[in-house]
N, C-alpha and C. Protein backbone atom coordinates (compact mmCIF):
# COMPACT_ATOMS: atom_id res chain seq x y z
N MET A 1 -96.29 -113.00 94.21
CA MET A 1 -95.24 -111.43 94.89
C MET A 1 -95.09 -110.42 94.24
N LYS A 2 -95.70 -109.49 94.56
CA LYS A 2 -95.69 -108.14 93.53
C LYS A 2 -94.18 -107.16 94.20
N CYS A 3 -93.39 -107.22 93.36
CA CYS A 3 -92.22 -106.42 93.62
C CYS A 3 -92.49 -104.95 94.04
N ARG A 4 -91.70 -104.11 94.86
CA ARG A 4 -92.26 -103.20 95.46
C ARG A 4 -91.48 -102.10 94.42
N GLU A 5 -92.09 -100.95 94.06
CA GLU A 5 -91.67 -99.97 93.49
C GLU A 5 -90.60 -98.70 94.05
N TYR A 6 -89.52 -98.81 94.15
CA TYR A 6 -88.85 -97.41 94.04
C TYR A 6 -88.43 -96.13 93.39
N LYS A 7 -88.84 -94.97 94.18
CA LYS A 7 -88.74 -94.15 93.22
C LYS A 7 -87.31 -93.11 93.21
N LEU A 8 -86.72 -93.49 92.26
CA LEU A 8 -84.85 -93.86 91.59
C LEU A 8 -84.86 -91.76 91.91
N PRO A 9 -83.90 -91.52 91.83
CA PRO A 9 -83.17 -89.98 92.73
C PRO A 9 -83.08 -89.84 91.22
N LYS A 10 -83.31 -88.15 90.48
CA LYS A 10 -83.31 -87.76 89.17
C LYS A 10 -81.73 -88.08 88.73
N ILE A 11 -81.15 -88.79 87.90
CA ILE A 11 -80.01 -88.93 87.36
C ILE A 11 -79.66 -88.46 85.99
N GLY A 12 -80.67 -87.30 85.80
CA GLY A 12 -80.49 -87.78 83.84
C GLY A 12 -79.15 -86.40 83.73
N LEU A 13 -78.74 -84.99 85.01
CA LEU A 13 -77.93 -84.35 84.26
C LEU A 13 -76.45 -85.57 84.64
N LYS A 14 -76.45 -85.82 85.60
CA LYS A 14 -75.40 -86.89 85.76
C LYS A 14 -75.58 -87.97 84.59
N VAL A 15 -75.82 -88.14 83.71
CA VAL A 15 -75.72 -88.97 82.72
C VAL A 15 -75.54 -88.05 81.60
N GLN A 16 -75.93 -86.92 81.23
CA GLN A 16 -76.03 -85.86 80.38
C GLN A 16 -74.27 -85.46 80.59
N VAL A 17 -73.99 -84.97 81.06
CA VAL A 17 -72.64 -84.37 81.60
C VAL A 17 -71.54 -85.94 81.22
N GLU A 18 -71.75 -87.39 81.82
CA GLU A 18 -70.69 -88.12 82.29
C GLU A 18 -70.94 -88.40 80.13
N ARG A 19 -71.93 -88.68 79.61
CA ARG A 19 -71.58 -88.59 77.86
C ARG A 19 -71.03 -88.06 77.37
N LYS A 20 -71.36 -86.83 77.76
CA LYS A 20 -70.80 -85.51 77.00
C LYS A 20 -69.32 -85.68 76.94
N LEU A 21 -69.01 -85.58 78.44
CA LEU A 21 -67.46 -85.78 78.87
C LEU A 21 -66.77 -86.97 77.91
N ARG A 22 -68.09 -87.95 77.75
CA ARG A 22 -67.03 -89.14 77.13
C ARG A 22 -67.32 -89.51 75.25
N GLY A 23 -67.60 -88.02 74.72
CA GLY A 23 -67.46 -88.03 73.75
C GLY A 23 -68.75 -88.30 73.12
N TYR A 24 -69.77 -88.84 73.24
CA TYR A 24 -70.77 -89.49 72.82
C TYR A 24 -71.99 -88.65 72.66
N SER A 25 -72.89 -88.89 71.27
CA SER A 25 -73.58 -87.97 70.72
C SER A 25 -74.85 -88.72 71.72
N GLN A 26 -75.87 -88.04 71.59
CA GLN A 26 -77.22 -88.88 72.27
C GLN A 26 -77.65 -89.97 71.54
N GLN A 27 -77.06 -90.12 70.17
CA GLN A 27 -78.14 -90.99 69.43
C GLN A 27 -76.80 -92.14 69.68
N ASP A 28 -75.87 -92.23 69.69
CA ASP A 28 -74.60 -92.57 69.79
C ASP A 28 -74.69 -93.73 71.16
N PHE A 29 -74.90 -92.89 72.36
CA PHE A 29 -75.06 -93.42 72.94
C PHE A 29 -76.58 -94.26 73.58
N ALA A 30 -77.32 -93.42 73.18
CA ALA A 30 -78.95 -94.65 73.25
C ALA A 30 -78.60 -95.64 72.47
N LYS A 31 -77.93 -95.55 71.28
CA LYS A 31 -77.78 -97.39 70.67
C LYS A 31 -77.02 -97.93 71.50
N ILE A 32 -75.79 -97.84 72.75
CA ILE A 32 -75.04 -98.57 72.57
C ILE A 32 -75.61 -99.14 73.97
N CYS A 33 -76.29 -98.03 74.17
CA CYS A 33 -77.41 -99.17 75.73
C CYS A 33 -78.83 -99.65 75.25
N GLY A 34 -78.69 -99.71 74.01
CA GLY A 34 -80.23 -100.25 73.72
C GLY A 34 -80.99 -99.41 74.13
N LEU A 35 -80.96 -98.28 74.03
CA LEU A 35 -82.22 -97.59 74.11
C LEU A 35 -82.52 -96.22 73.02
N SER A 36 -83.74 -95.96 72.65
CA SER A 36 -84.00 -94.73 71.80
C SER A 36 -83.71 -93.71 71.45
N LYS A 37 -83.34 -92.79 70.97
CA LYS A 37 -83.13 -91.78 71.76
C LYS A 37 -84.11 -91.17 72.29
N SER A 38 -84.98 -91.29 71.80
CA SER A 38 -86.19 -90.28 72.45
C SER A 38 -86.17 -91.30 73.72
N GLN A 39 -86.18 -92.05 74.39
CA GLN A 39 -86.00 -92.64 75.83
C GLN A 39 -84.43 -92.13 76.63
N LEU A 40 -83.74 -91.99 75.72
CA LEU A 40 -82.42 -91.47 76.65
C LEU A 40 -82.32 -89.57 76.57
N CYS A 41 -83.41 -89.44 75.89
CA CYS A 41 -83.70 -87.65 75.81
C CYS A 41 -84.69 -86.99 77.59
N LYS A 42 -85.11 -88.32 77.25
CA LYS A 42 -86.30 -88.26 78.56
C LYS A 42 -85.50 -88.57 79.94
N ILE A 43 -84.70 -89.58 80.01
CA ILE A 43 -83.80 -89.44 80.90
C ILE A 43 -82.50 -88.26 81.39
N GLU A 44 -82.11 -88.09 80.32
CA GLU A 44 -81.81 -86.33 80.62
C GLU A 44 -82.29 -85.54 81.28
N LEU A 45 -83.70 -85.26 80.86
CA LEU A 45 -84.30 -84.30 81.07
C LEU A 45 -85.28 -84.45 82.43
N ASN A 46 -84.61 -85.49 83.15
CA ASN A 46 -86.03 -86.35 84.06
C ASN A 46 -87.38 -86.27 83.77
N GLN A 47 -87.45 -86.99 82.28
CA GLN A 47 -89.12 -86.75 82.10
C GLN A 47 -89.66 -88.12 82.46
N TYR A 48 -88.71 -89.15 82.67
CA TYR A 48 -88.84 -90.41 82.45
C TYR A 48 -90.29 -90.49 84.11
N LYS A 49 -91.06 -91.46 83.60
CA LYS A 49 -91.90 -91.57 84.69
C LYS A 49 -91.60 -92.95 85.87
N THR A 50 -90.94 -94.24 84.90
CA THR A 50 -90.07 -94.93 85.81
C THR A 50 -89.17 -95.56 84.98
N MET A 51 -88.04 -96.26 85.60
CA MET A 51 -86.54 -96.63 85.21
C MET A 51 -86.39 -98.17 85.56
N THR A 52 -86.38 -99.07 84.82
CA THR A 52 -86.16 -100.18 85.37
C THR A 52 -84.17 -100.27 85.95
N LEU A 53 -84.15 -101.07 86.62
CA LEU A 53 -82.71 -101.08 87.37
C LEU A 53 -81.32 -101.70 86.20
N GLU A 54 -82.02 -102.69 85.40
CA GLU A 54 -81.78 -102.88 84.87
C GLU A 54 -80.98 -101.59 83.61
N THR A 55 -82.22 -100.57 83.00
CA THR A 55 -81.72 -99.41 82.38
C THR A 55 -80.59 -98.80 83.42
N ALA A 56 -81.15 -98.59 84.17
CA ALA A 56 -80.23 -97.86 85.41
C ALA A 56 -78.59 -98.28 85.08
N TYR A 57 -78.35 -99.72 85.51
CA TYR A 57 -77.53 -100.48 85.11
C TYR A 57 -76.69 -100.50 83.65
N GLN A 58 -77.36 -100.39 82.47
CA GLN A 58 -77.14 -100.44 81.79
C GLN A 58 -76.12 -99.28 80.99
N ILE A 59 -76.72 -98.09 81.58
CA ILE A 59 -76.14 -96.52 81.07
C ILE A 59 -74.83 -96.59 82.37
N ALA A 60 -74.70 -97.29 83.05
CA ALA A 60 -73.78 -96.59 84.26
C ALA A 60 -72.53 -97.48 83.68
N SER A 61 -72.98 -99.07 83.22
CA SER A 61 -71.53 -99.67 83.04
C SER A 61 -71.25 -99.26 81.41
N LYS A 62 -72.07 -98.47 80.75
CA LYS A 62 -71.60 -97.80 79.70
C LYS A 62 -70.85 -96.67 79.64
N LEU A 63 -71.17 -96.17 80.71
CA LEU A 63 -69.99 -94.78 81.68
C LEU A 63 -68.94 -95.45 82.06
N ASP A 64 -68.86 -96.57 82.08
CA ASP A 64 -67.41 -97.03 83.22
C ASP A 64 -67.71 -96.36 84.43
N MET A 65 -68.82 -96.70 85.24
CA MET A 65 -69.31 -95.79 86.36
C MET A 65 -69.71 -97.31 87.32
N GLY A 66 -69.75 -97.67 88.48
CA GLY A 66 -70.67 -98.37 89.20
C GLY A 66 -71.76 -97.94 89.33
N ILE A 67 -73.36 -98.61 89.55
CA ILE A 67 -74.60 -98.27 89.67
C ILE A 67 -74.73 -97.38 90.90
N ASP A 68 -73.54 -97.71 91.67
CA ASP A 68 -73.79 -96.64 92.85
C ASP A 68 -72.83 -95.11 92.84
N GLU A 69 -72.49 -94.97 91.54
CA GLU A 69 -71.54 -94.07 91.31
C GLU A 69 -72.58 -92.88 90.68
N LEU A 70 -73.47 -93.79 89.85
CA LEU A 70 -75.09 -92.78 89.07
C LEU A 70 -76.15 -92.53 89.73
N ILE A 71 -76.49 -93.92 90.73
CA ILE A 71 -77.47 -93.64 91.92
C ILE A 71 -77.18 -93.22 93.22
N ASP A 72 -77.34 -91.97 93.66
CA ASP A 72 -77.24 -91.87 95.36
C ASP A 72 -78.40 -93.14 95.85
N LEU A 73 -77.90 -93.63 96.25
CA LEU A 73 -78.31 -94.49 97.42
C LEU A 73 -79.58 -94.01 98.13
N ASN A 74 -78.55 -93.17 99.04
CA ASN A 74 -79.31 -92.45 100.21
C ASN A 74 -80.80 -91.94 99.56
N GLN A 75 -80.58 -91.22 98.50
CA GLN A 75 -81.81 -90.21 98.11
C GLN A 75 -82.95 -90.79 97.86
N ILE A 76 -82.60 -92.50 97.80
CA ILE A 76 -83.85 -93.54 97.50
C ILE A 76 -85.21 -93.13 98.58
N ASN A 77 -86.75 -92.62 98.00
CA ASN A 77 -87.53 -92.80 98.77
C ASN A 77 -87.76 -94.39 99.17
N TYR A 78 -87.59 -94.93 100.36
CA TYR A 78 -88.30 -95.97 100.94
C TYR A 78 -90.08 -96.53 101.43
N SER A 79 -90.69 -95.40 101.08
CA SER A 79 -91.60 -95.08 102.05
C SER A 79 -93.02 -95.11 100.63
N ASN A 80 -93.42 -95.98 100.48
CA ASN A 80 -94.59 -96.18 99.81
C ASN A 80 -96.05 -95.83 100.36
C-alpha cells in the first residue's frame, strides 16, 4: 500500500526566524537537527522538493515548538 504524499505549506521563513531568535547559526542548527547545512538552507529558502514529517518534527522539536506550531495544517493541500 502506497502512502499518500501531501504538499506541506512553506515553512522556511518560520524556521529561519525561530532559529535566529534562538541564536543558532545555520551550521549549528543543521547539525543538531541531523541535517546538512545545504538541506537546512534549502528548507529556509523553500527550495526543498519534499520533506518528511520526521524532518519537520525534528526541526520543530529543536526549536521547542510543536509540529502544529511549525506547520499550519489548514494550509495543506489534500487533493492529489
